Amino acid sequence: MNKQTILSGTLAAVLLAVGAIGCESEKAGQAELQAQAKVTKDQAQATALAKVPNGTVKEAELEKEKGKLIWSFDLSTPDTKDTTEVNVDAITGELVNVEHEKAGDKD
């Protein structure tokens, strides 16, 4: 084997290991956030869907944003490519905010 092949194989192994560690760390972080939440995903989702008639959940995530633990939902509605992001406080269940994102808009 030449040095380049060995180096490439070693680099690939290191990247895989780092990726696995990052994934496990993310799972641990999510478990910690879940333990802090007093409002379930289903409860928060019901609140979010009540704000967007005929909405469908595209993505849901429990996250800390601006120091607040929230359930964040990206919702789509029929006949549009736009997305509505609805955030619900994961401690109180109260609506935090609603943002409309036009299709093609970047964060």
PDB file of N, CA and C in Angstrom:
ATOM      1  N   MET A   1       0.846  -1.185   0.000  1.00  0.00           N
ATOM      2  CA  MET A   1       0.000   0.000   0.000  1.00  0.00           C
ATOM      3  C   MET A   1       0.883   1.238   0.000  1.00  0.00           C
ATOM      4  N   ASN A   2       0.404   2.240  -0.679  1.00  0.00           N
ATOM      5  CA  ASN A   2       1.197   3.454  -0.652  1.00  0.00           C
ATOM      6  C   ASN A   2       0.720   4.360   0.495  1.00  0.00           C
ATOM      7  N   LYS A   3       1.507   5.363   0.773  1.00  0.00           N
ATOM      8  CA  LYS A   3       1.217   6.250   1.919  1.00  0.00           C
ATOM      9  C   LYS A   3      -0.106   6.986   1.748  1.00  0.00           C
ATOM     10  N   GLN A   4      -0.439   7.365   0.514  1.00  0.00           N
ATOM     11  CA  GLN A   4      -1.683   8.106   0.274  1.00  0.00           C
ATOM     12  C   GLN A   4      -2.905   7.241   0.589  1.00  0.00           C
ATOM     13  N   THR A   5      -2.859   5.982   0.231  1.00  0.00           N
ATOM     14  CA  THR A   5      -3.969   5.072   0.513  1.00  0.00           C
ATOM     15  C   THR A   5      -4.131   4.882   2.019  1.00  0.00           C
ATOM     16  N   ILE A   6      -3.029   4.697   2.720  1.00  0.00           N
ATOM     17  CA  ILE A   6      -3.073   4.526   4.177  1.00  0.00           C
ATOM     18  C   ILE A   6      -3.599   5.793   4.836  1.00  0.00           C
ATOM     19  N   LEU A   7      -3.105   6.943   4.382  1.00  0.00           N
ATOM     20  CA  LEU A   7      -3.545   8.220   4.943  1.00  0.00           C
ATOM     21  C   LEU A   7      -5.030   8.451   4.686  1.00  0.00           C
ATOM     22  N   SER A   8      -5.501   8.134   3.490  1.00  0.00           N
ATOM     23  CA  SER A   8      -6.924   8.297   3.164  1.00  0.00           C
ATOM     24  C   SER A   8      -7.793   7.391   4.030  1.00  0.00           C
ATOM     25  N   GLY A   9      -7.356   6.154   4.211  1.00  0.00           N
ATOM     26  CA  GLY A   9      -8.106   5.217   5.055  1.00  0.00           C
ATOM     27  C   GLY A   9      -8.157   5.667   6.503  1.00  0.00           C
ATOM     28  N   THR A  10      -7.038   6.166   6.997  1.00  0.00           N
ATOM     29  CA  THR A  10      -6.981   6.665   8.375  1.00  0.00           C
ATOM     30  C   THR A  10      -7.886   7.871   8.546  1.00  0.00           C
ATOM     31  N   LEU A  11      -7.843   8.792   7.599  1.00  0.00           N
ATOM     32  CA  LEU A  11      -8.698   9.980   7.659  1.00  0.00           C
ATOM     33  C   LEU A  11     -10.175   9.589   7.636  1.00  0.00           C
ATOM     34  N   ALA A  12     -10.544   8.647   6.795  1.00  0.00           N
ATOM     35  CA  ALA A  12     -11.933   8.185   6.728  1.00  0.00           C
ATOM     36  C   ALA A  12     -12.371   7.584   8.061  1.00  0.00           C
ATOM     37  N   ALA A  13     -11.506   6.793   8.683  1.00  0.00           N
ATOM     38  CA  ALA A  13     -11.835   6.178   9.973  1.00  0.00           C
ATOM     39  C   ALA A  13     -12.018   7.238  11.052  1.00  0.00           C
ATOM     40  N   VAL A  14     -11.169   8.248  11.047  1.00  0.00           N
ATOM     41  CA  VAL A  14     -11.278   9.328  12.036  1.00  0.00           C
ATOM     42  C   VAL A  14     -12.584  10.091  11.831  1.00  0.00           C
ATOM     43  N   LEU A  15     -12.917  10.409  10.595  1.00  0.00           N
ATOM     44  CA  LEU A  15     -14.160  11.135  10.319  1.00  0.00           C
ATOM     45  C   LEU A  15     -15.384  10.334  10.731  1.00  0.00           C
ATOM     46  N   LEU A  16     -15.374   9.044  10.496  1.00  0.00           N
ATOM     47  CA  LEU A  16     -16.488   8.195  10.927  1.00  0.00           C
ATOM     48  C   LEU A  16     -16.612   8.182  12.443  1.00  0.00           C
ATOM     49  N   ALA A  17     -15.500   8.103  13.138  1.00  0.00           N
ATOM     50  CA  ALA A  17     -15.513   8.093  14.603  1.00  0.00           C
ATOM     51  C   ALA A  17     -16.037   9.412  15.146  1.00  0.00           C
ATOM     52  N   VAL A  18     -15.593  10.521  14.575  1.00  0.00           N
ATOM     53  CA  VAL A  18     -16.057  11.840  15.026  1.00  0.00           C
ATOM     54  C   VAL A  18     -17.553  11.983  14.768  1.00  0.00           C
ATOM     55  N   GLY A  19     -18.011  11.513  13.617  1.00  0.00           N
ATOM     56  CA  GLY A  19     -19.440  11.564  13.306  1.00  0.00           C
ATOM     57  C   GLY A  19     -20.267  10.758  14.279  1.00  0.00           C
ATOM     58  N   ALA A  20     -19.787   9.586  14.656  1.00  0.00           N
ATOM     59  CA  ALA A  20     -20.504   8.732  15.610  1.00  0.00           C
ATOM     60  C   ALA A  20     -20.562   9.391  16.979  1.00  0.00           C
ATOM     61  N   ILE A  21     -19.469  10.003  17.393  1.00  0.00           N
ATOM     62  CA  ILE A  21     -19.440  10.695  18.685  1.00  0.00           C
ATOM     63  C   ILE A  21     -20.408  11.867  18.673  1.00  0.00           C
ATOM     64  N   GLY A  22     -20.411  12.626  17.579  1.00  0.00           N
ATOM     65  CA  GLY A  22     -21.324  13.766  17.464  1.00  0.00           C
ATOM     66  C   GLY A  22     -22.775  13.334  17.513  1.00  0.00           C
ATOM     67  N   CYS A  23     -23.085  12.228  16.872  1.00  0.00           N
ATOM     68  CA  CYS A  23     -24.445  11.699  16.853  1.00  0.00           C
ATOM     69  C   CYS A  23     -24.882  11.271  18.255  1.00  0.00           C
ATOM     70  N   GLU A  24     -23.997  10.578  18.969  1.00  0.00           N
ATOM     71  CA  GLU A  24     -24.305  10.157  20.337  1.00  0.00           C
ATOM     72  C   GLU A  24     -24.476  11.372  21.245  1.00  0.00           C
ATOM     73  N   SER A  25     -23.647  12.383  21.050  1.00  0.00           N
ATOM     74  CA  SER A  25     -23.731  13.604  21.848  1.00  0.00           C
ATOM     75  C   SER A  25     -25.064  14.305  21.604  1.00  0.00           C
ATOM     76  N   GLU A  26     -25.497  14.325  20.344  1.00  0.00           N
ATOM     77  CA  GLU A  26     -26.771  14.951  20.005  1.00  0.00           C
ATOM     78  C   GLU A  26     -27.932  14.192  20.643  1.00  0.00           C
ATOM     79  N   LYS A  27     -27.868  12.856  20.626  1.00  0.00           N
ATOM     80  CA  LYS A  27     -28.909  12.044  21.266  1.00  0.00           C
ATOM     81  C   LYS A  27     -28.962  12.313  22.759  1.00  0.00           C
ATOM     82  N   ALA A  28     -27.799  12.428  23.396  1.00  0.00           N
ATOM     83  CA  ALA A  28     -27.748  12.714  24.828  1.00  0.00           C
ATOM     84  C   ALA A  28     -28.332  14.090  25.101  1.00  0.00           C
ATOM     85  N   GLY A  29     -28.023  15.052  24.233  1.00  0.00           N
ATOM     86  CA  GLY A  29     -28.562  16.406  24.387  1.00  0.00           C
ATOM     87  C   GLY A  29     -30.075  16.416  24.261  1.00  0.00           C
ATOM     88  N   GLN A  30     -30.607  15.666  23.302  1.00  0.00           N
ATOM     89  CA  GLN A  30     -32.057  15.588  23.133  1.00  0.00           C
ATOM     90  C   GLN A  30     -32.713  14.923  24.337  1.00  0.00           C
ATOM     91  N   ALA A  31     -32.082  13.890  24.884  1.00  0.00           N
ATOM     92  CA  ALA A  31     -32.628  13.220  26.064  1.00  0.00           C
ATOM     93  C   ALA A  31     -32.688  14.181  27.241  1.00  0.00           C
ATOM     94  N   GLU A  32     -31.666  15.015  27.369  1.00  0.00           N
ATOM     95  CA  GLU A  32     -31.635  16.008  28.453  1.00  0.00           C
ATOM     96  C   GLU A  32     -32.751  17.036  28.268  1.00  0.00           C
ATOM     97  N   LEU A  33     -32.968  17.493  27.035  1.00  0.00           N
ATOM     98  CA  LEU A  33     -34.040  18.451  26.768  1.00  0.00           C
ATOM     99  C   LEU A  33     -35.404  17.808  27.026  1.00  0.00           C
ATOM    100  N   GLN A  34     -35.565  16.554  26.622  1.00  0.00           N
ATOM    101  CA  GLN A  34     -36.828  15.838  26.853  1.00  0.00           C
ATOM    102  C   GLN A  34     -37.135  15.755  28.339  1.00  0.00           C
ATOM    103  N   ALA A  35     -36.101  15.539  29.147  1.00  0.00           N
ATOM    104  CA  ALA A  35     -36.293  15.426  30.595  1.00  0.00           C
ATOM    105  C   ALA A  35     -36.748  16.755  31.196  1.00  0.00           C
ATOM    106  N   GLN A  36     -36.366  17.870  30.572  1.00  0.00           N
ATOM    107  CA  GLN A  36     -36.741  19.196  31.079  1.00  0.00           C
ATOM    108  C   GLN A  36     -38.147  19.612  30.650  1.00  0.00           C
ATOM    109  N   ALA A  37     -38.611  19.094  29.517  1.00  0.00           N
ATOM    110  CA  ALA A  37     -39.905  19.496  28.964  1.00  0.00           C
ATOM    111  C   ALA A  37     -41.051  19.009  29.838  1.00  0.00           C
ATOM    112  N   LYS A  38     -41.995  19.876  30.073  1.00  0.00           N
ATOM    113  CA  LYS A  38     -43.194  19.520  30.837  1.00  0.00           C
ATOM    114  C   LYS A  38     -44.390  19.329  29.894  1.00  0.00           C
ATOM    115  N   VAL A  39     -44.249  19.802  28.672  1.00  0.00           N
ATOM    116  CA  VAL A  39     -45.286  19.674  27.654  1.00  0.00           C
ATOM    117  C   VAL A  39     -44.813  18.642  26.641  1.00  0.00           C
ATOM    118  N   THR A  40     -45.661  17.674  26.343  1.00  0.00           N
ATOM    119  CA  THR A  40     -45.277  16.633  25.393  1.00  0.00           C
ATOM    120  C   THR A  40     -45.298  17.176  23.964  1.00  0.00           C
ATOM    121  N   LYS A  41     -44.659  16.452  23.085  1.00  0.00           N
ATOM    122  CA  LYS A  41     -44.659  16.823  21.675  1.00  0.00           C
ATOM    123  C   LYS A  41     -46.096  16.855  21.142  1.00  0.00           C
ATOM    124  N   ASP A  42     -46.891  15.865  21.511  1.00  0.00           N
ATOM    125  CA  ASP A  42     -48.279  15.813  21.034  1.00  0.00           C
ATOM    126  C   ASP A  42     -49.094  17.013  21.520  1.00  0.00           C
ATOM    127  N   GLN A  43     -48.909  17.408  22.776  1.00  0.00           N
ATOM    128  CA  GLN A  43     -49.621  18.568  23.305  1.00  0.00           C
ATOM    129  C   GLN A  43     -49.210  19.840  22.568  1.00  0.00           C
ATOM    130  N   ALA A  44     -47.909  20.009  22.381  1.00  0.00           N
ATOM    131  CA  ALA A  44     -47.406  21.199  21.687  1.00  0.00           C
ATOM    132  C   ALA A  44     -47.852  21.199  20.230  1.00  0.00           C
ATOM    133  N   GLN A  45     -47.865  20.033  19.625  1.00  0.00           N
ATOM    134  CA  GLN A  45     -48.284  19.926  18.230  1.00  0.00           C
ATOM    135  C   GLN A  45     -49.743  20.333  18.068  1.00  0.00           C
ATOM    136  N   ALA A  46     -50.581  19.956  19.006  1.00  0.00           N
ATOM    137  CA  ALA A  46     -51.993  20.351  18.957  1.00  0.00           C
ATOM    138  C   ALA A  46     -52.123  21.873  19.003  1.00  0.00           C
ATOM    139  N   THR A  47     -51.318  22.521  19.830  1.00  0.00           N
ATOM    140  CA  THR A  47     -51.318  23.982  19.915  1.00  0.00           C
ATOM    141  C   THR A  47     -50.865  24.586  18.590  1.00  0.00           C
ATOM    142  N   ALA A  48     -49.807  24.037  18.015  1.00  0.00           N
ATOM    143  CA  ALA A  48     -49.281  24.547  16.741  1.00  0.00           C
ATOM    144  C   ALA A  48     -50.301  24.388  15.620  1.00  0.00           C
ATOM    145  N   LEU A  49     -50.905  23.214  15.531  1.00  0.00           N
ATOM    146  CA  LEU A  49     -51.874  22.959  14.465  1.00  0.00           C
ATOM    147  C   LEU A  49     -53.126  23.821  14.599  1.00  0.00           C
ATOM    148  N   ALA A  50     -53.472  24.209  15.817  1.00  0.00           N
ATOM    149  CA  ALA A  50     -54.623  25.087  16.031  1.00  0.00           C
ATOM    150  C   ALA A  50     -54.380  26.474  15.430  1.00  0.00           C
ATOM    151  N   LYS A  51     -53.111  26.854  15.278  1.00  0.00           N
ATOM    152  CA  LYS A  51     -52.759  28.156  14.715  1.00  0.00           C
ATOM    153  C   LYS A  51     -52.665  28.145  13.196  1.00  0.00           C
ATOM    154  N   VAL A  52     -52.602  26.959  12.598  1.00  0.00           N
ATOM    155  CA  VAL A  52     -52.453  26.852  11.145  1.00  0.00           C
ATOM    156  C   VAL A  52     -53.523  25.899  10.621  1.00  0.00           C
ATOM    157  N   PRO A  53     -54.690  26.434  10.276  1.00  0.00           N
ATOM    158  CA  PRO A  53     -55.772  25.582   9.773  1.00  0.00           C
ATOM    159  C   PRO A  53     -55.308  24.745   8.577  1.00  0.00           C
ATOM    160  N   ASN A  54     -55.649  23.481   8.578  1.00  0.00           N
ATOM    161  CA  ASN A  54     -55.279  22.526   7.523  1.00  0.00           C
ATOM    162  C   ASN A  54     -53.776  22.298   7.427  1.00  0.00           C
ATOM    163  N   GLY A  55     -53.035  22.647   8.477  1.00  0.00           N
ATOM    164  CA  GLY A  55     -51.583  22.472   8.466  1.00  0.00           C
ATOM    165  C   GLY A  55     -51.185  21.013   8.639  1.00  0.00           C
ATOM    166  N   THR A  56     -50.021  20.693   8.096  1.00  0.00           N
ATOM    167  CA  THR A  56     -49.425  19.371   8.226  1.00  0.00           C
ATOM    168  C   THR A  56     -47.999  19.548   8.726  1.00  0.00           C
ATOM    169  N   VAL A  57     -47.611  18.787   9.731  1.00  0.00           N
ATOM    170  CA  VAL A  57     -46.270  18.894  10.294  1.00  0.00           C
ATOM    171  C   VAL A  57     -45.249  18.309   9.322  1.00  0.00           C
ATOM    172  N   LYS A  58     -44.295  19.143   8.906  1.00  0.00           N
ATOM    173  CA  LYS A  58     -43.187  18.685   8.059  1.00  0.00           C
ATOM    174  C   LYS A  58     -41.996  18.295   8.920  1.00  0.00           C
ATOM    175  N   GLU A  59     -41.800  19.046  10.002  1.00  0.00           N
ATOM    176  CA  GLU A  59     -40.656  18.806  10.879  1.00  0.00           C
ATOM    177  C   GLU A  59     -41.003  19.301  12.279  1.00  0.00           C
ATOM    178  N   ALA A  60     -40.529  18.574  13.283  1.00  0.00           N
ATOM    179  CA  ALA A  60     -40.734  18.961  14.677  1.00  0.00           C
ATOM    180  C   ALA A  60     -39.424  18.768  15.422  1.00  0.00           C
ATOM    181  N   GLU A  61     -39.143  19.709  16.329  1.00  0.00           N
ATOM    182  CA  GLU A  61     -37.868  19.647  17.037  1.00  0.00           C
ATOM    183  C   GLU A  61     -38.007  20.304  18.409  1.00  0.00           C
ATOM    184  N   LEU A  62     -37.389  19.687  19.392  1.00  0.00           N
ATOM    185  CA  LEU A  62     -37.298  20.265  20.727  1.00  0.00           C
ATOM    186  C   LEU A  62     -35.938  20.943  20.809  1.00  0.00           C
ATOM    187  N   GLU A  63     -35.930  22.241  21.139  1.00  0.00           N
ATOM    188  CA  GLU A  63     -34.672  22.976  21.134  1.00  0.00           C
ATOM    189  C   GLU A  63     -34.692  24.122  22.129  1.00  0.00           C
ATOM    190  N   LYS A  64     -33.493  24.593  22.450  1.00  0.00           N
ATOM    191  CA  LYS A  64     -33.348  25.806  23.255  1.00  0.00           C
ATOM    192  C   LYS A  64     -33.124  26.946  22.290  1.00  0.00           C
ATOM    193  N   GLU A  65     -33.955  27.967  22.411  1.00  0.00           N
ATOM    194  CA  GLU A  65     -33.823  29.143  21.556  1.00  0.00           C
ATOM    195  C   GLU A  65     -33.976  30.378  22.422  1.00  0.00           C
ATOM    196  N   LYS A  66     -32.953  31.215  22.385  1.00  0.00           N
ATOM    197  CA  LYS A  66     -32.932  32.434  23.202  1.00  0.00           C
ATOM    198  C   LYS A  66     -33.168  32.111  24.675  1.00  0.00           C
ATOM    199  N   GLY A  67     -32.573  31.002  25.124  1.00  0.00           N
ATOM    200  CA  GLY A  67     -32.658  30.608  26.524  1.00  0.00           C
ATOM    201  C   GLY A  67     -33.963  29.944  26.930  1.00  0.00           C
ATOM    202  N   LYS A  68     -34.847  29.732  25.973  1.00  0.00           N
ATOM    203  CA  LYS A  68     -36.161  29.143  26.272  1.00  0.00           C
ATOM    204  C   LYS A  68     -36.265  27.781  25.611  1.00  0.00           C
ATOM    205  N   LEU A  69     -36.780  26.805  26.324  1.00  0.00           N
ATOM    206  CA  LEU A  69     -37.000  25.469  25.783  1.00  0.00           C
ATOM    207  C   LEU A  69     -38.311  25.482  25.006  1.00  0.00           C
ATOM    208  N   ILE A  70     -38.228  25.181  23.711  1.00  0.00           N
ATOM    209  CA  ILE A  70     -39.425  25.243  22.862  1.00  0.00           C
ATOM    210  C   ILE A  70     -39.558  23.997  21.986  1.00  0.00           C
ATOM    211  N   TRP A  71     -40.793  23.745  21.632  1.00  0.00           N
ATOM    212  CA  TRP A  71     -41.096  22.810  20.558  1.00  0.00           C
ATOM    213  C   TRP A  71     -41.250  23.667  19.317  1.00  0.00           C
ATOM    214  N   SER A  72     -40.508  23.349  18.267  1.00  0.00           N
ATOM    215  CA  SER A  72     -40.565  24.100  17.025  1.00  0.00           C
ATOM    216  C   SER A  72     -41.161  23.203  15.947  1.00  0.00           C
ATOM    217  N   PHE A  73     -42.190  23.690  15.269  1.00  0.00           N
ATOM    218  CA  PHE A  73     -42.872  22.924  14.226  1.00  0.00           C
ATOM    219  C   PHE A  73     -42.836  23.692  12.914  1.00  0.00           C
ATOM    220  N   ASP A  74     -42.420  23.019  11.857  1.00  0.00           N
ATOM    221  CA  ASP A  74     -42.529  23.564  10.506  1.00  0.00           C
ATOM    222  C   ASP A  74     -43.764  22.927   9.901  1.00  0.00           C
ATOM    223  N   LEU A  75     -44.722  23.775   9.517  1.00  0.00           N
ATOM    224  CA  LEU A  75     -46.000  23.289   9.005  1.00  0.00           C
ATOM    225  C   LEU A  75     -46.192  23.724   7.559  1.00  0.00           C
ATOM    226  N   SER A  76     -46.744  22.836   6.772  1.00  0.00           N
ATOM    227  CA  SER A  76     -47.122  23.178   5.400  1.00  0.00           C
ATOM    228  C   SER A  76     -48.640  23.211   5.332  1.00  0.00           C
ATOM    229  N   THR A  77     -49.135  23.932   4.341  1.00  0.00           N
ATOM    230  CA  THR A  77     -50.578  23.997   4.123  1.00  0.00           C
ATOM    231  C   THR A  77     -50.856  23.679   2.663  1.00  0.00           C
ATOM    232  N   PRO A  78     -52.052  23.146   2.387  1.00  0.00           N
ATOM    233  CA  PRO A  78     -52.388  22.792   1.005  1.00  0.00           C
ATOM    234  C   PRO A  78     -52.337  24.020   0.090  1.00  0.00           C
ATOM    235  N   ASP A  79     -52.015  23.778  -1.156  1.00  0.00           N
ATOM    236  CA  ASP A  79     -52.023  24.806  -2.200  1.00  0.00           C
ATOM    237  C   ASP A  79     -50.966  25.896  -2.019  1.00  0.00           C
ATOM    238  N   THR A  80     -49.938  25.651  -1.225  1.00  0.00           N
ATOM    239  CA  THR A  80     -48.840  26.600  -1.098  1.00  0.00           C
ATOM    240  C   THR A  80     -47.551  25.854  -0.785  1.00  0.00           C
ATOM    241  N   LYS A  81     -46.446  26.435  -1.204  1.00  0.00           N
ATOM    242  CA  LYS A  81     -45.143  25.863  -0.894  1.00  0.00           C
ATOM    243  C   LYS A  81     -44.524  26.571   0.307  1.00  0.00           C
ATOM    244  N   ASP A  82     -45.232  27.556   0.839  1.00  0.00           N
ATOM    245  CA  ASP A  82     -44.744  28.297   2.001  1.00  0.00           C
ATOM    246  C   ASP A  82     -44.753  27.414   3.242  1.00  0.00           C
ATOM    247  N   THR A  83     -43.976  27.815   4.231  1.00  0.00           N
ATOM    248  CA  THR A  83     -43.889  27.101   5.502  1.00  0.00           C
ATOM    249  C   THR A  83     -44.243  28.060   6.625  1.00  0.00           C
ATOM    250  N   THR A  84     -44.949  27.552   7.611  1.00  0.00           N
ATOM    251  CA  THR A  84     -45.228  28.330   8.807  1.00  0.00           C
ATOM    252  C   THR A  84     -44.506  27.652   9.962  1.00  0.00           C
ATOM    253  N   GLU A  85     -43.646  28.411  10.628  1.00  0.00           N
ATOM    254  CA  GLU A  85     -42.952  27.888  11.800  1.00  0.00           C
ATOM    255  C   GLU A  85     -43.709  28.353  13.041  1.00  0.00           C
ATOM    256  N   VAL A  86     -44.095  27.393  13.861  1.00  0.00           N
ATOM    257  CA  VAL A  86     -44.812  27.687  15.096  1.00  0.00           C
ATOM    258  C   VAL A  86     -43.980  27.153  16.256  1.00  0.00           C
ATOM    259  N   ASN A  87     -43.710  28.028  17.234  1.00  0.00           N
ATOM    260  CA  ASN A  87     -42.938  27.643  18.413  1.00  0.00           C
ATOM    261  C   ASN A  87     -43.832  27.675  19.644  1.00  0.00           C
ATOM    262  N   VAL A  88     -43.745  26.595  20.419  1.00  0.00           N
ATOM    263  CA  VAL A  88     -44.562  26.444  21.626  1.00  0.00           C
ATOM    264  C   VAL A  88     -43.624  26.216  22.803  1.00  0.00           C
ATOM    265  N   ASP A  89     -43.843  26.950  23.888  1.00  0.00           N
ATOM    266  CA  ASP A  89     -43.027  26.811  25.088  1.00  0.00           C
ATOM    267  C   ASP A  89     -43.175  25.393  25.630  1.00  0.00           C
ATOM    268  N   ALA A  90     -42.058  24.706  25.806  1.00  0.00           N
ATOM    269  CA  ALA A  90     -42.077  23.310  26.248  1.00  0.00           C
ATOM    270  C   ALA A  90     -42.272  23.165  27.750  1.00  0.00           C
ATOM    271  N   ILE A  91     -42.286  24.279  28.468  1.00  0.00           N
ATOM    272  CA  ILE A  91     -42.528  24.260  29.911  1.00  0.00           C
ATOM    273  C   ILE A  91     -43.981  24.634  30.216  1.00  0.00           C
ATOM    274  N   THR A  92     -44.474  25.704  29.578  1.00  0.00           N
ATOM    275  CA  THR A  92     -45.815  26.204  29.886  1.00  0.00           C
ATOM    276  C   THR A  92     -46.884  25.787  28.882  1.00  0.00           C
ATOM    277  N   GLY A  93     -46.467  25.428  27.660  1.00  0.00           N
ATOM    278  CA  GLY A  93     -47.426  25.093  26.619  1.00  0.00           C
ATOM    279  C   GLY A  93     -47.973  26.300  25.884  1.00  0.00           C
ATOM    280  N   GLU A  94     -47.493  27.490  26.238  1.00  0.00           N
ATOM    281  CA  GLU A  94     -47.970  28.716  25.594  1.00  0.00           C
ATOM    282  C   GLU A  94     -47.310  28.916  24.238  1.00  0.00           C
ATOM    283  N   LEU A  95     -48.043  29.561  23.342  1.00  0.00           N
ATOM    284  CA  LEU A  95     -47.527  29.899  22.035  1.00  0.00           C
ATOM    285  C   LEU A  95     -46.417  30.941  22.203  1.00  0.00           C
ATOM    286  N   VAL A  96     -45.264  30.690  21.590  1.00  0.00           N
ATOM    287  CA  VAL A  96     -44.147  31.635  21.668  1.00  0.00           C
ATOM    288  C   VAL A  96     -44.186  32.572  20.471  1.00  0.00           C
ATOM    289  N   ASN A  97     -44.230  32.019  19.268  1.00  0.00           N
ATOM    290  CA  ASN A  97     -44.351  32.856  18.077  1.00  0.00           C
ATOM    291  C   ASN A  97     -44.748  32.022  16.864  1.00  0.00           C
ATOM    292  N   VAL A  98     -45.177  32.750  15.829  1.00  0.00           N
ATOM    293  CA  VAL A  98     -45.553  32.149  14.552  1.00  0.00           C
ATOM    294  C   VAL A  98     -44.862  32.968  13.472  1.00  0.00           C
ATOM    295  N   GLU A  99     -44.131  32.294  12.589  1.00  0.00           N
ATOM    296  CA  GLU A  99     -43.440  32.980  11.496  1.00  0.00           C
ATOM    297  C   GLU A  99     -43.806  32.314  10.175  1.00  0.00           C
ATOM    298  N   HIS A 100     -44.096  33.137   9.184  1.00  0.00           N
ATOM    299  CA  HIS A 100     -44.410  32.634   7.852  1.00  0.00           C
ATOM    300  C   HIS A 100     -43.169  32.783   6.988  1.00  0.00           C
ATOM    301  N   GLU A 101     -42.771  31.698   6.351  1.00  0.00           N
ATOM    302  CA  GLU A 101     -41.595  31.704   5.479  1.00  0.00           C
ATOM    303  C   GLU A 101     -42.043  31.404   4.056  1.00  0.00           C
ATOM    304  N   LYS A 102     -41.751  32.331   3.158  1.00  0.00           N
ATOM    305  CA  LYS A 102     -42.086  32.126   1.749  1.00  0.00           C
ATOM    306  C   LYS A 102     -41.187  31.058   1.158  1.00  0.00           C
ATOM    307  N   ALA A 103     -41.720  30.289   0.244  1.00  0.00           N
ATOM    308  CA  ALA A 103     -40.923  29.268  -0.442  1.00  0.00           C
ATOM    309  C   ALA A 103     -39.742  29.961  -1.119  1.00  0.00           C
ATOM    310  N   GLY A 104     -38.554  29.409  -0.928  1.00  0.00           N
ATOM    311  CA  GLY A 104     -37.356  30.000  -1.516  1.00  0.00           C
ATOM    312  C   GLY A 104     -36.617  30.945  -0.613  1.00  0.00           C
ATOM    313  N   ASP A 105     -37.256  31.408   0.478  1.00  0.00           N
ATOM    314  CA  ASP A 105     -36.566  32.272   1.438  1.00  0.00           C
ATOM    315  C   ASP A 105     -35.522  31.460   2.183  1.00  0.00           C
ATOM    316  N   LYS A 106     -34.414  32.068   2.450  1.00  0.00           N
ATOM    317  CA  LYS A 106     -33.361  31.417   3.239  1.00  0.00           C
ATOM    318  C   LYS A 106     -33.403  31.985   4.643  1.00  0.00           C
ATOM    319  N   ASP A 107     -32.909  31.172   5.637  1.00  0.00           N
ATOM    320  CA  ASP A 107     -32.861  31.631   7.031  1.00  0.00           C
ATOM    321  C   ASP A 107     -31.957  32.821   7.171  1.00  0.00           C
TER     322      ASP A 107
END
